[in-house]
Structure formats: structure tokens, C-alpha cells
């Protein structure tokens, strides 16, 4: 098994190096987006430059970002690099349109505390399986080293629209076995793949009492602010996504993510793609001059043509 894992790891690194190299564009808007939006990466477990350059590039890319267009890949952050990592800038991210990859790091926590939606437009493929969330290789090298990821800290996560979830080689990770993953990943009965040392199976950590619902505890970490929100009805099998009632007439509109209060695209708890006025839509209408994250921003009828061009 150990030989297999090493080969698996090498293959991942090889694929990452072939299909992507992290490059910071000299034109900031083309890389970092505008407003609350930023652009993700597609390099897998790879990175370029020094460890310090890699960390600085993550900081510049995601600082102030709420909407990641593409994949969120947080990798190669090791304490052995002697860098004072501060990942608090990740706490503002609310939407990732691609996949989320957390790996090759030994931070105790990844504070994605406001991430609500992983849309999975792009998925991370490993051995024929497509994943929307991958957490792998999150401890330091060495048998006696006790540094590594202990809490995932995703208390706001409500939906992974496409793709499965993978945990692999996270020997210190706690609490993920308490999560009701079928609530987060709609349409899959067994949405999680637990690989070798997926999490700390001998952990003595327990959820806060505030996280106990009907004698079951659901949490992402220690404390009452790390409880998982679990309150969705079981949907009829013919519903394409979420529902507000367990009958066939209780399906949410296809443009809804997370959930809804009724059948209309104006009754979504969150939009899957974009929001135009009060409605969730698959694309912004033609009279929109720009968008900020999921919000379609309408043209100002009183603006001059040249000022409109500045917003496009």
C-alpha cells in the first residue's frame, strides 16, 4: 500500500507539472479579476518558484476575493519552509465555480469559514473519478512529526454541486467523519471516498454540545461556531437538485443552489450561477455591462458610452 501511495503521489505531481505552471500575469485584472471576483488556478499539486513566492502569489490572488472563477488550489504550504503563513485571507471566499484542492500542507486549519458553494464546473479527476473537493497529504514528512491539518473549518459549506469528495493521507484530521455529506452533495448516496489514513480514526475530539441535533453531532471543528447546518428535507428522486418539500412538486428551480423556499427562481437561498435583479439565471442578460461575482450589474442609462466601456 505504501508503494502504491508513493506512485499515486508521483503521478499527481507529474500530471500537475505537465498541464499547468502557476504564472502571475503582469496584467492584474486578467489574473485577479475585479471587485470581489478573482480567478483560480489549474495546476493541481504543482507550483513554480520558491515557497515564499508561491505563498505570496496565493495571497495576491485571493486577498479580498469572495467569488473564485475556476479552481481553488491551496497546496504546498509546509512549516519546514520557515514562513509565517497567515491564511485568514481565505475566510472571505464564498463561491468556487470549479473544484477545491487542499494538499501537501501541514497547517492546523484552513479557514474557509464563509465558503458556501463549490459548483464543480471543473472537477479534479483521479483514477477515473471526478471530485469537487479533495483533501490529501496534509501532514509533515517524518513518522514522528505531529504537524498537520486538524480541522477543515467549512461551517458555511452548503453544497458541492458536482463531483465527489476525497480524503487521503490526513492522519491528524478531525471531525470530517461527523459531517452529513449527503446533505452537501445532492444526488449521490455515498459521496465520499475515504482513502488510506483519510482522517484521525483514533481522535478523542468531540463536537460542541451546540452542534448536537437529534442525538447526533455534526461539526467541522471545535466550538459552537463550527457546527454543520443540517436541515434539508429528503428530496423526491425525480428532483434535479434541491427541494423545499419531499414531494415531487417540492423541487427547487434548476437555477437554485443550496436550497429554496419555493419553486421559482426568485425563491432560491443562493443562485447556482448568476443573479439578475431578484432572479437566479444561467447567464447575465444582454443589457448588463459587467458583473461582480454572481451579481449582474445593469448598464447605467445616463452614462456616456466611454464610461460604459470602462466597466466592461
C-alpha atoms as a PDB file:
ATOM      1  CA  UNK A   1       0.000   0.000   0.000  1.00  0.00           C
ATOM      2  CA  UNK A   2       2.842   2.395   0.819  1.00  0.00           C
ATOM      3  CA  UNK A   3       4.409   1.801  -2.607  1.00  0.00           C
ATOM      4  CA  UNK A   4       1.030   2.435  -4.242  1.00  0.00           C
ATOM      5  CA  UNK A   5       0.585   5.727  -2.392  1.00  0.00           C
ATOM      6  CA  UNK A   6       4.027   6.912  -3.411  1.00  0.00           C
ATOM      7  CA  UNK A   7       3.325   6.073  -7.050  1.00  0.00           C
ATOM      8  CA  UNK A   8      -0.045   7.796  -6.753  1.00  0.00           C
ATOM      9  CA  UNK A   9       1.605  10.901  -5.359  1.00  0.00           C
ATOM     10  CA  UNK A  10       4.275  10.976  -8.078  1.00  0.00           C
ATOM     11  CA  UNK A  11       1.629  10.619 -10.792  1.00  0.00           C
ATOM     12  CA  UNK A  12      -0.329  13.550  -9.382  1.00  0.00           C
ATOM     13  CA  UNK A  13       2.746  15.721  -9.360  1.00  0.00           C
ATOM     14  CA  UNK A  14       3.619  14.674 -12.905  1.00  0.00           C
ATOM     15  CA  UNK A  15       0.153  15.471 -14.230  1.00  0.00           C
ATOM     16  CA  UNK A  16       0.236  18.850 -12.495  1.00  0.00           C
ATOM     17  CA  UNK A  17       3.600  19.744 -13.993  1.00  0.00           C
ATOM     18  CA  UNK A  18       2.531  18.729 -17.500  1.00  0.00           C
ATOM     19  CA  UNK A  19      -0.807  20.540 -17.596  1.00  0.00           C
ATOM     20  CA  UNK A  20      -0.086  23.692 -15.680  1.00  0.00           C
ATOM     21  CA  UNK A  21       2.532  26.023 -14.270  1.00  0.00           C
ATOM     22  CA  UNK A  22       1.490  28.778 -11.906  1.00  0.00           C
ATOM     23  CA  UNK A  23       2.099  32.101 -13.632  1.00  0.00           C
ATOM     24  CA  UNK A  24       1.246  35.549 -12.274  1.00  0.00           C
ATOM     25  CA  UNK A  25       0.149  37.684 -15.215  1.00  0.00           C
ATOM     26  CA  UNK A  26       1.581  41.171 -15.416  1.00  0.00           C
ATOM     27  CA  UNK A  27      -1.894  42.492 -16.166  1.00  0.00           C
ATOM     28  CA  UNK A  28      -3.540  42.264 -12.745  1.00  0.00           C
ATOM     29  CA  UNK A  29      -7.158  42.384 -13.921  1.00  0.00           C
ATOM     30  CA  UNK A  30      -6.693  39.368 -16.187  1.00  0.00           C
ATOM     31  CA  UNK A  31      -5.448  37.299 -13.250  1.00  0.00           C
ATOM     32  CA  UNK A  32      -7.153  38.705 -10.201  1.00  0.00           C
ATOM     33  CA  UNK A  33     -10.483  39.796 -11.699  1.00  0.00           C
ATOM     34  CA  UNK A  34     -12.294  42.884 -10.457  1.00  0.00           C
ATOM     35  CA  UNK A  35     -14.401  43.738  -7.445  1.00  0.00           C
ATOM     36  CA  UNK A  36     -14.949  40.672  -5.276  1.00  0.00           C
ATOM     37  CA  UNK A  37     -14.114  38.242  -8.089  1.00  0.00           C
ATOM     38  CA  UNK A  38     -10.797  36.518  -8.736  1.00  0.00           C
ATOM     39  CA  UNK A  39      -9.535  33.754 -10.987  1.00  0.00           C
ATOM     40  CA  UNK A  40      -8.426  30.368  -9.706  1.00  0.00           C
ATOM     41  CA  UNK A  41      -5.703  28.029 -10.933  1.00  0.00           C
ATOM     42  CA  UNK A  42      -5.419  24.688 -12.705  1.00  0.00           C
ATOM     43  CA  UNK A  43      -2.022  23.346 -11.643  1.00  0.00           C
ATOM     44  CA  UNK A  44      -3.018  20.529  -9.283  1.00  0.00           C
ATOM     45  CA  UNK A  45      -0.300  19.836  -6.723  1.00  0.00           C
ATOM     46  CA  UNK A  46       2.333  21.750  -8.701  1.00  0.00           C
ATOM     47  CA  UNK A  47       3.727  25.252  -8.229  1.00  0.00           C
ATOM     48  CA  UNK A  48       6.563  27.370  -9.562  1.00  0.00           C
ATOM     49  CA  UNK A  49       9.249  29.469  -7.913  1.00  0.00           C
ATOM     50  CA  UNK A  50      10.246  29.408  -4.260  1.00  0.00           C
ATOM     51  CA  UNK A  51       7.952  28.501  -1.371  1.00  0.00           C
ATOM     52  CA  UNK A  52       7.809  32.165  -0.399  1.00  0.00           C
ATOM     53  CA  UNK A  53       6.897  33.250  -3.942  1.00  0.00           C
ATOM     54  CA  UNK A  54       4.174  30.587  -4.016  1.00  0.00           C
ATOM     55  CA  UNK A  55       2.648  31.838  -0.753  1.00  0.00           C
ATOM     56  CA  UNK A  56       2.819  35.474  -1.894  1.00  0.00           C
ATOM     57  CA  UNK A  57       1.109  34.569  -5.165  1.00  0.00           C
ATOM     58  CA  UNK A  58      -1.747  32.903  -3.267  1.00  0.00           C
ATOM     59  CA  UNK A  59      -2.059  35.979  -1.078  1.00  0.00           C
ATOM     60  CA  UNK A  60      -2.169  38.369  -4.039  1.00  0.00           C
ATOM     61  CA  UNK A  61      -4.599  36.206  -5.973  1.00  0.00           C
ATOM     62  CA  UNK A  62      -7.195  35.605  -3.249  1.00  0.00           C
ATOM     63  CA  UNK A  63      -6.943  38.567  -0.892  1.00  0.00           C
ATOM     64  CA  UNK A  64     -10.326  40.361  -0.876  1.00  0.00           C
ATOM     65  CA  UNK A  65     -11.890  37.674  -3.084  1.00  0.00           C
ATOM     66  CA  UNK A  66     -15.406  36.339  -2.498  1.00  0.00           C
ATOM     67  CA  UNK A  67     -16.064  34.624  -5.836  1.00  0.00           C
ATOM     68  CA  UNK A  68     -13.395  32.341  -7.325  1.00  0.00           C
ATOM     69  CA  UNK A  69     -13.905  31.804 -11.038  1.00  0.00           C
ATOM     70  CA  UNK A  70     -12.233  28.431 -11.550  1.00  0.00           C
ATOM     71  CA  UNK A  71     -10.499  26.152  -9.067  1.00  0.00           C
ATOM     72  CA  UNK A  72      -9.278  26.924  -5.577  1.00  0.00           C
ATOM     73  CA  UNK A  73      -5.983  25.060  -5.096  1.00  0.00           C
ATOM     74  CA  UNK A  74      -4.287  25.603  -1.721  1.00  0.00           C
ATOM     75  CA  UNK A  75      -1.216  23.394  -1.746  1.00  0.00           C
ATOM     76  CA  UNK A  76       2.482  23.217  -0.880  1.00  0.00           C
ATOM     77  CA  UNK A  77       2.389  25.140   2.398  1.00  0.00           C
ATOM     78  CA  UNK A  78       4.842  23.384   4.700  1.00  0.00           C
ATOM     79  CA  UNK A  79       6.160  24.559   8.059  1.00  0.00           C
ATOM     80  CA  UNK A  80       9.615  23.399   7.005  1.00  0.00           C
ATOM     81  CA  UNK A  81       9.750  26.439   4.688  1.00  0.00           C
ATOM     82  CA  UNK A  82      10.069  28.672   7.806  1.00  0.00           C
ATOM     83  CA  UNK A  83       7.388  31.060   6.552  1.00  0.00           C
ATOM     84  CA  UNK A  84       4.863  32.737   8.862  1.00  0.00           C
ATOM     85  CA  UNK A  85       1.745  31.688   6.998  1.00  0.00           C
ATOM     86  CA  UNK A  86      -1.415  33.732   7.560  1.00  0.00           C
ATOM     87  CA  UNK A  87      -4.312  32.208   5.641  1.00  0.00           C
ATOM     88  CA  UNK A  88      -7.012  34.487   7.044  1.00  0.00           C
ATOM     89  CA  UNK A  89      -7.453  35.982   3.548  1.00  0.00           C
ATOM     90  CA  UNK A  90      -9.244  32.751   2.572  1.00  0.00           C
ATOM     91  CA  UNK A  91     -12.065  33.430   5.013  1.00  0.00           C
ATOM     92  CA  UNK A  92     -13.812  35.853   2.616  1.00  0.00           C
ATOM     93  CA  UNK A  93     -14.325  33.301  -0.185  1.00  0.00           C
ATOM     94  CA  UNK A  94     -17.991  32.328  -0.624  1.00  0.00           C
ATOM     95  CA  UNK A  95     -18.194  30.651  -4.047  1.00  0.00           C
ATOM     96  CA  UNK A  96     -15.791  28.476  -6.051  1.00  0.00           C
ATOM     97  CA  UNK A  97     -17.019  27.635  -9.550  1.00  0.00           C
ATOM     98  CA  UNK A  98     -14.544  24.770 -10.044  1.00  0.00           C
ATOM     99  CA  UNK A  99     -13.091  22.289  -7.548  1.00  0.00           C
ATOM    100  CA  UNK A 100     -11.335  22.820  -4.216  1.00  0.00           C
ATOM    101  CA  UNK A 101      -7.981  21.107  -3.662  1.00  0.00           C
ATOM    102  CA  UNK A 102      -6.227  21.198  -0.292  1.00  0.00           C
ATOM    103  CA  UNK A 103      -2.999  19.237  -0.132  1.00  0.00           C
ATOM    104  CA  UNK A 104       0.719  18.965   0.548  1.00  0.00           C
ATOM    105  CA  UNK A 105       0.422  21.232   3.565  1.00  0.00           C
ATOM    106  CA  UNK A 106       0.711  20.932   7.327  1.00  0.00           C
ATOM    107  CA  UNK A 107      -1.287  23.924   8.596  1.00  0.00           C
ATOM    108  CA  UNK A 108      -3.535  23.038  11.538  1.00  0.00           C
ATOM    109  CA  UNK A 109      -6.577  24.599   9.862  1.00  0.00           C
ATOM    110  CA  UNK A 110      -7.682  26.115   6.560  1.00  0.00           C
ATOM    111  CA  UNK A 111     -10.087  28.977   7.409  1.00  0.00           C
ATOM    112  CA  UNK A 112     -12.573  28.741   4.543  1.00  0.00           C
ATOM    113  CA  UNK A 113     -15.199  29.737   7.049  1.00  0.00           C
ATOM    114  CA  UNK A 114     -17.511  31.554   4.596  1.00  0.00           C
ATOM    115  CA  UNK A 115     -17.337  29.139   1.655  1.00  0.00           C
ATOM    116  CA  UNK A 116     -20.947  28.252   0.821  1.00  0.00           C
ATOM    117  CA  UNK A 117     -20.857  26.737  -2.653  1.00  0.00           C
ATOM    118  CA  UNK A 118     -18.415  24.565  -4.607  1.00  0.00           C
ATOM    119  CA  UNK A 119     -20.040  24.411  -8.036  1.00  0.00           C
ATOM    120  CA  UNK A 120     -17.749  21.841  -9.635  1.00  0.00           C
ATOM    121  CA  UNK A 121     -17.859  23.197 -13.204  1.00  0.00           C
ATOM    122  CA  UNK A 122     -14.339  21.733 -13.375  1.00  0.00           C
ATOM    123  CA  UNK A 123     -13.625  18.586 -11.363  1.00  0.00           C
ATOM    124  CA  UNK A 124     -10.381  17.028 -10.178  1.00  0.00           C
ATOM    125  CA  UNK A 125     -10.034  13.613 -11.831  1.00  0.00           C
ATOM    126  CA  UNK A 126      -8.128  10.844 -10.060  1.00  0.00           C
ATOM    127  CA  UNK A 127      -8.137   7.289 -11.392  1.00  0.00           C
ATOM    128  CA  UNK A 128     -11.361   7.826 -13.326  1.00  0.00           C
ATOM    129  CA  UNK A 129     -13.309   9.523 -10.514  1.00  0.00           C
ATOM    130  CA  UNK A 130     -14.317  13.186 -10.595  1.00  0.00           C
ATOM    131  CA  UNK A 131     -14.043  15.143  -7.346  1.00  0.00           C
ATOM    132  CA  UNK A 132     -15.355  18.537  -6.289  1.00  0.00           C
ATOM    133  CA  UNK A 133     -13.376  18.539  -3.027  1.00  0.00           C
ATOM    134  CA  UNK A 134     -10.011  16.840  -2.448  1.00  0.00           C
ATOM    135  CA  UNK A 135      -8.116  16.909   0.857  1.00  0.00           C
ATOM    136  CA  UNK A 136      -4.874  14.937   0.651  1.00  0.00           C
ATOM    137  CA  UNK A 137      -1.348  14.678   2.086  1.00  0.00           C
ATOM    138  CA  UNK A 138      -1.870  17.144   4.918  1.00  0.00           C
ATOM    139  CA  UNK A 139       0.849  16.178   7.380  1.00  0.00           C
ATOM    140  CA  UNK A 140       4.572  16.833   7.618  1.00  0.00           C
ATOM    141  CA  UNK A 141       7.126  14.339   6.384  1.00  0.00           C
ATOM    142  CA  UNK A 142       8.520  12.032   9.065  1.00  0.00           C
ATOM    143  CA  UNK A 143       6.901   9.372  11.195  1.00  0.00           C
ATOM    144  CA  UNK A 144       7.234  11.271  14.488  1.00  0.00           C
ATOM    145  CA  UNK A 145       6.087  14.663  13.258  1.00  0.00           C
ATOM    146  CA  UNK A 146       2.754  15.808  14.704  1.00  0.00           C
ATOM    147  CA  UNK A 147       2.221  18.800  12.446  1.00  0.00           C
ATOM    148  CA  UNK A 148      -0.679  18.666  10.048  1.00  0.00           C
ATOM    149  CA  UNK A 149      -4.243  19.603   9.217  1.00  0.00           C
ATOM    150  CA  UNK A 150      -6.539  19.056  12.214  1.00  0.00           C
ATOM    151  CA  UNK A 151      -9.685  20.989  11.261  1.00  0.00           C
ATOM    152  CA  UNK A 152     -11.188  21.614   7.820  1.00  0.00           C
ATOM    153  CA  UNK A 153     -13.278  24.585   9.048  1.00  0.00           C
ATOM    154  CA  UNK A 154     -16.051  24.772   6.429  1.00  0.00           C
ATOM    155  CA  UNK A 155     -19.049  25.647   8.634  1.00  0.00           C
ATOM    156  CA  UNK A 156     -20.824  27.619   5.893  1.00  0.00           C
ATOM    157  CA  UNK A 157     -20.478  24.944   3.179  1.00  0.00           C
ATOM    158  CA  UNK A 158     -23.940  24.017   1.964  1.00  0.00           C
ATOM    159  CA  UNK A 159     -23.407  22.448  -1.447  1.00  0.00           C
ATOM    160  CA  UNK A 160     -20.937  20.717  -3.734  1.00  0.00           C
ATOM    161  CA  UNK A 161     -22.974  20.759  -6.944  1.00  0.00           C
ATOM    162  CA  UNK A 162     -20.846  18.279  -8.939  1.00  0.00           C
ATOM    163  CA  UNK A 163     -18.190  15.766  -8.026  1.00  0.00           C
ATOM    164  CA  UNK A 164     -17.404  13.506  -5.107  1.00  0.00           C
ATOM    165  CA  UNK A 165     -15.290  14.185  -2.004  1.00  0.00           C
ATOM    166  CA  UNK A 166     -11.882  12.564  -1.415  1.00  0.00           C
ATOM    167  CA  UNK A 167      -9.865  12.264   1.805  1.00  0.00           C
ATOM    168  CA  UNK A 168      -6.398  10.704   1.581  1.00  0.00           C
ATOM    169  CA  UNK A 169      -3.404  10.759   3.929  1.00  0.00           C
ATOM    170  CA  UNK A 170      -4.738  13.168   6.543  1.00  0.00           C
ATOM    171  CA  UNK A 171      -3.712  11.302   9.724  1.00  0.00           C
ATOM    172  CA  UNK A 172      -4.344  14.235  12.101  1.00  0.00           C
ATOM    173  CA  UNK A 173      -7.616  15.494  10.596  1.00  0.00           C
ATOM    174  CA  UNK A 174     -10.608  15.503  12.941  1.00  0.00           C
ATOM    175  CA  UNK A 175     -14.383  15.867  12.658  1.00  0.00           C
ATOM    176  CA  UNK A 176     -14.906  15.128   8.928  1.00  0.00           C
ATOM    177  CA  UNK A 177     -16.451  11.781   9.864  1.00  0.00           C
ATOM    178  CA  UNK A 178     -19.204  13.661  11.728  1.00  0.00           C
ATOM    179  CA  UNK A 179     -20.337  15.566   8.624  1.00  0.00           C
ATOM    180  CA  UNK A 180     -23.600  14.619   6.885  1.00  0.00           C
ATOM    181  CA  UNK A 181     -22.065  14.658   3.404  1.00  0.00           C
ATOM    182  CA  UNK A 182     -25.270  13.552   1.673  1.00  0.00           C
ATOM    183  CA  UNK A 183     -26.747  16.925   2.677  1.00  0.00           C
ATOM    184  CA  UNK A 184     -23.885  18.771   0.973  1.00  0.00           C
ATOM    185  CA  UNK A 185     -23.544  16.607  -2.153  1.00  0.00           C
ATOM    186  CA  UNK A 186     -27.006  16.207  -3.728  1.00  0.00           C
ATOM    187  CA  UNK A 187     -27.892  13.148  -5.765  1.00  0.00           C
ATOM    188  CA  UNK A 188     -25.154  10.783  -4.509  1.00  0.00           C
ATOM    189  CA  UNK A 189     -25.845   8.139  -1.860  1.00  0.00           C
ATOM    190  CA  UNK A 190     -22.190   7.621  -0.921  1.00  0.00           C
ATOM    191  CA  UNK A 191     -20.435  10.820  -1.985  1.00  0.00           C
ATOM    192  CA  UNK A 192     -17.192  10.423  -0.003  1.00  0.00           C
ATOM    193  CA  UNK A 193     -14.133   8.314  -0.788  1.00  0.00           C
ATOM    194  CA  UNK A 194     -12.031   7.608   2.283  1.00  0.00           C
ATOM    195  CA  UNK A 195      -8.552   6.522   1.234  1.00  0.00           C
ATOM    196  CA  UNK A 196      -5.558   5.453   3.297  1.00  0.00           C
ATOM    197  CA  UNK A 197      -5.314   7.438   6.578  1.00  0.00           C
ATOM    198  CA  UNK A 198      -8.249   9.566   5.420  1.00  0.00           C
ATOM    199  CA  UNK A 199      -8.634  11.144   8.867  1.00  0.00           C
ATOM    200  CA  UNK A 200      -7.700  10.611  12.509  1.00  0.00           C
ATOM    201  CA  UNK A 201      -9.687   7.492  13.332  1.00  0.00           C
ATOM    202  CA  UNK A 202      -8.467   7.430  16.956  1.00  0.00           C
ATOM    203  CA  UNK A 203      -9.383  11.049  17.657  1.00  0.00           C
ATOM    204  CA  UNK A 204     -10.829  11.928  21.055  1.00  0.00           C
ATOM    205  CA  UNK A 205     -12.092  15.310  19.837  1.00  0.00           C
ATOM    206  CA  UNK A 206     -15.852  15.827  20.125  1.00  0.00           C
ATOM    207  CA  UNK A 207     -18.244  18.388  18.690  1.00  0.00           C
ATOM    208  CA  UNK A 208     -19.550  21.206  20.839  1.00  0.00           C
ATOM    209  CA  UNK A 209     -22.877  20.486  22.509  1.00  0.00           C
ATOM    210  CA  UNK A 210     -24.463  23.200  20.359  1.00  0.00           C
ATOM    211  CA  UNK A 211     -23.811  21.006  17.303  1.00  0.00           C
ATOM    212  CA  UNK A 212     -25.934  18.091  18.563  1.00  0.00           C
ATOM    213  CA  UNK A 213     -29.162  17.569  16.594  1.00  0.00           C
ATOM    214  CA  UNK A 214     -31.471  14.653  17.464  1.00  0.00           C
ATOM    215  CA  UNK A 215     -28.684  12.915  19.396  1.00  0.00           C
ATOM    216  CA  UNK A 216     -26.226  13.256  16.500  1.00  0.00           C
ATOM    217  CA  UNK A 217     -23.329  15.717  16.443  1.00  0.00           C
ATOM    218  CA  UNK A 218     -22.278  17.403  13.185  1.00  0.00           C
ATOM    219  CA  UNK A 219     -19.288  19.757  13.162  1.00  0.00           C
ATOM    220  CA  UNK A 220     -16.196  20.925  11.270  1.00  0.00           C
ATOM    221  CA  UNK A 221     -14.107  21.762  14.323  1.00  0.00           C
ATOM    222  CA  UNK A 222     -14.123  22.694  17.970  1.00  0.00           C
ATOM    223  CA  UNK A 223     -16.536  25.306  19.279  1.00  0.00           C
ATOM    224  CA  UNK A 224     -20.178  26.281  18.644  1.00  0.00           C
ATOM    225  CA  UNK A 225     -19.262  28.290  15.519  1.00  0.00           C
ATOM    226  CA  UNK A 226     -18.104  25.124  13.737  1.00  0.00           C
ATOM    227  CA  UNK A 227     -21.455  23.303  13.653  1.00  0.00           C
ATOM    228  CA  UNK A 228     -22.712  21.919  10.346  1.00  0.00           C
ATOM    229  CA  UNK A 229     -26.087  23.265   9.228  1.00  0.00           C
ATOM    230  CA  UNK A 230     -28.325  20.230   8.644  1.00  0.00           C
ATOM    231  CA  UNK A 231     -31.982  20.908   7.880  1.00  0.00           C
ATOM    232  CA  UNK A 232     -32.788  19.971   4.287  1.00  0.00           C
ATOM    233  CA  UNK A 233     -35.717  17.655   3.504  1.00  0.00           C
ATOM    234  CA  UNK A 234     -35.120  14.392   1.682  1.00  0.00           C
ATOM    235  CA  UNK A 235     -35.964  15.210  -1.933  1.00  0.00           C
ATOM    236  CA  UNK A 236     -38.005  13.141  -4.340  1.00  0.00           C
ATOM    237  CA  UNK A 237     -35.681  11.133  -6.588  1.00  0.00           C
ATOM    238  CA  UNK A 238     -37.010  12.980  -9.662  1.00  0.00           C
ATOM    239  CA  UNK A 239     -35.903  16.375  -8.340  1.00  0.00           C
ATOM    240  CA  UNK A 240     -32.866  17.599 -10.322  1.00  0.00           C
ATOM    241  CA  UNK A 241     -31.257  19.253  -7.308  1.00  0.00           C
ATOM    242  CA  UNK A 242     -32.541  20.730  -4.053  1.00  0.00           C
ATOM    243  CA  UNK A 243     -36.093  20.852  -2.728  1.00  0.00           C
ATOM    244  CA  UNK A 244     -38.227  22.695  -0.209  1.00  0.00           C
ATOM    245  CA  UNK A 245     -40.595  19.737   0.253  1.00  0.00           C
ATOM    246  CA  UNK A 246     -40.115  15.983  -0.037  1.00  0.00           C
ATOM    247  CA  UNK A 247     -42.821  15.539  -2.712  1.00  0.00           C
ATOM    248  CA  UNK A 248     -42.297  15.808  -6.476  1.00  0.00           C
ATOM    249  CA  UNK A 249     -43.923  19.267  -6.501  1.00  0.00           C
ATOM    250  CA  UNK A 250     -41.394  20.475  -3.930  1.00  0.00           C
ATOM    251  CA  UNK A 251     -38.373  20.666  -6.259  1.00  0.00           C
ATOM    252  CA  UNK A 252     -36.286  23.839  -6.346  1.00  0.00           C
ATOM    253  CA  UNK A 253     -35.778  25.682  -9.614  1.00  0.00           C
ATOM    254  CA  UNK A 254     -32.692  24.383 -11.538  1.00  0.00           C
ATOM    255  CA  UNK A 255     -31.017  27.784 -11.133  1.00  0.00           C
ATOM    256  CA  UNK A 256     -31.034  27.422  -7.338  1.00  0.00           C
ATOM    257  CA  UNK A 257     -28.109  26.268  -5.234  1.00  0.00           C
ATOM    258  CA  UNK A 258     -28.076  25.334  -1.543  1.00  0.00           C
ATOM    259  CA  UNK A 259     -31.876  25.293  -1.259  1.00  0.00           C
ATOM    260  CA  UNK A 260     -35.052  27.319  -1.745  1.00  0.00           C
ATOM    261  CA  UNK A 261     -38.319  28.396  -0.158  1.00  0.00           C
ATOM    262  CA  UNK A 262     -40.464  27.705  -3.228  1.00  0.00           C
ATOM    263  CA  UNK A 263     -40.409  26.574  -6.879  1.00  0.00           C
ATOM    264  CA  UNK A 264     -39.481  29.884  -8.527  1.00  0.00           C
ATOM    265  CA  UNK A 265     -36.021  31.140  -9.498  1.00  0.00           C
ATOM    266  CA  UNK A 266     -36.751  34.130  -7.263  1.00  0.00           C
ATOM    267  CA  UNK A 267     -37.050  31.869  -4.203  1.00  0.00           C
ATOM    268  CA  UNK A 268     -33.527  30.442  -4.159  1.00  0.00           C
ATOM    269  CA  UNK A 269     -31.467  30.629  -0.981  1.00  0.00           C
ATOM    270  CA  UNK A 270     -28.490  31.130  -3.288  1.00  0.00           C
ATOM    271  CA  UNK A 271     -28.004  31.262  -7.051  1.00  0.00           C
ATOM    272  CA  UNK A 272     -26.095  28.485  -8.751  1.00  0.00           C
ATOM    273  CA  UNK A 273     -24.740  30.776 -11.480  1.00  0.00           C
ATOM    274  CA  UNK A 274     -25.791  34.441 -11.581  1.00  0.00           C
ATOM    275  CA  UNK A 275     -28.315  36.814 -10.038  1.00  0.00           C
ATOM    276  CA  UNK A 276     -30.126  39.400 -12.141  1.00  0.00           C
ATOM    277  CA  UNK A 277     -32.394  41.557 -10.013  1.00  0.00           C
ATOM    278  CA  UNK A 278     -34.314  39.124  -7.818  1.00  0.00           C
ATOM    279  CA  UNK A 279     -33.931  36.180 -10.210  1.00  0.00           C
ATOM    280  CA  UNK A 280     -31.305  33.464 -10.461  1.00  0.00           C
ATOM    281  CA  UNK A 281     -30.253  32.977 -14.096  1.00  0.00           C
ATOM    282  CA  UNK A 282     -27.807  30.856 -16.069  1.00  0.00           C
ATOM    283  CA  UNK A 283     -26.242  33.927 -17.736  1.00  0.00           C
ATOM    284  CA  UNK A 284     -26.490  37.673 -17.335  1.00  0.00           C
ATOM    285  CA  UNK A 285     -28.914  39.408 -19.756  1.00  0.00           C
ATOM    286  CA  UNK A 286     -27.652  41.453 -22.694  1.00  0.00           C
ATOM    287  CA  UNK A 287     -28.278  44.819 -21.082  1.00  0.00           C
ATOM    288  CA  UNK A 288     -25.709  44.022 -18.388  1.00  0.00           C
ATOM    289  CA  UNK A 289     -22.469  45.968 -18.635  1.00  0.00           C
ATOM    290  CA  UNK A 290     -20.464  43.887 -16.176  1.00  0.00           C
ATOM    291  CA  UNK A 291     -20.797  41.559 -13.218  1.00  0.00           C
ATOM    292  CA  UNK A 292     -19.284  41.270  -9.790  1.00  0.00           C
ATOM    293  CA  UNK A 293     -19.082  37.652  -8.750  1.00  0.00           C
ATOM    294  CA  UNK A 294     -22.598  36.284  -9.188  1.00  0.00           C
ATOM    295  CA  UNK A 295     -24.262  39.695  -9.421  1.00  0.00           C
ATOM    296  CA  UNK A 296     -25.217  41.022 -12.856  1.00  0.00           C
ATOM    297  CA  UNK A 297     -24.723  44.806 -12.909  1.00  0.00           C
ATOM    298  CA  UNK A 298     -27.081  46.658 -15.228  1.00  0.00           C
ATOM    299  CA  UNK A 299     -25.942  49.447 -17.539  1.00  0.00           C
ATOM    300  CA  UNK A 300     -26.488  52.985 -16.349  1.00  0.00           C
ATOM    301  CA  UNK A 301     -28.809  54.588 -18.949  1.00  0.00           C
ATOM    302  CA  UNK A 302     -27.393  58.030 -18.100  1.00  0.00           C
ATOM    303  CA  UNK A 303     -23.767  57.034 -18.507  1.00  0.00           C
ATOM    304  CA  UNK A 304     -21.739  58.104 -21.544  1.00  0.00           C
ATOM    305  CA  UNK A 305     -20.547  55.371 -23.942  1.00  0.00           C
ATOM    306  CA  UNK A 306     -16.913  55.767 -22.932  1.00  0.00           C
ATOM    307  CA  UNK A 307     -17.711  55.348 -19.240  1.00  0.00           C
ATOM    308  CA  UNK A 308     -19.657  52.168 -20.001  1.00  0.00           C
ATOM    309  CA  UNK A 309     -16.623  50.782 -21.776  1.00  0.00           C
ATOM    310  CA  UNK A 310     -14.531  51.240 -18.663  1.00  0.00           C
ATOM    311  CA  UNK A 311     -16.756  48.783 -16.785  1.00  0.00           C
ATOM    312  CA  UNK A 312     -16.747  46.004 -19.344  1.00  0.00           C
END
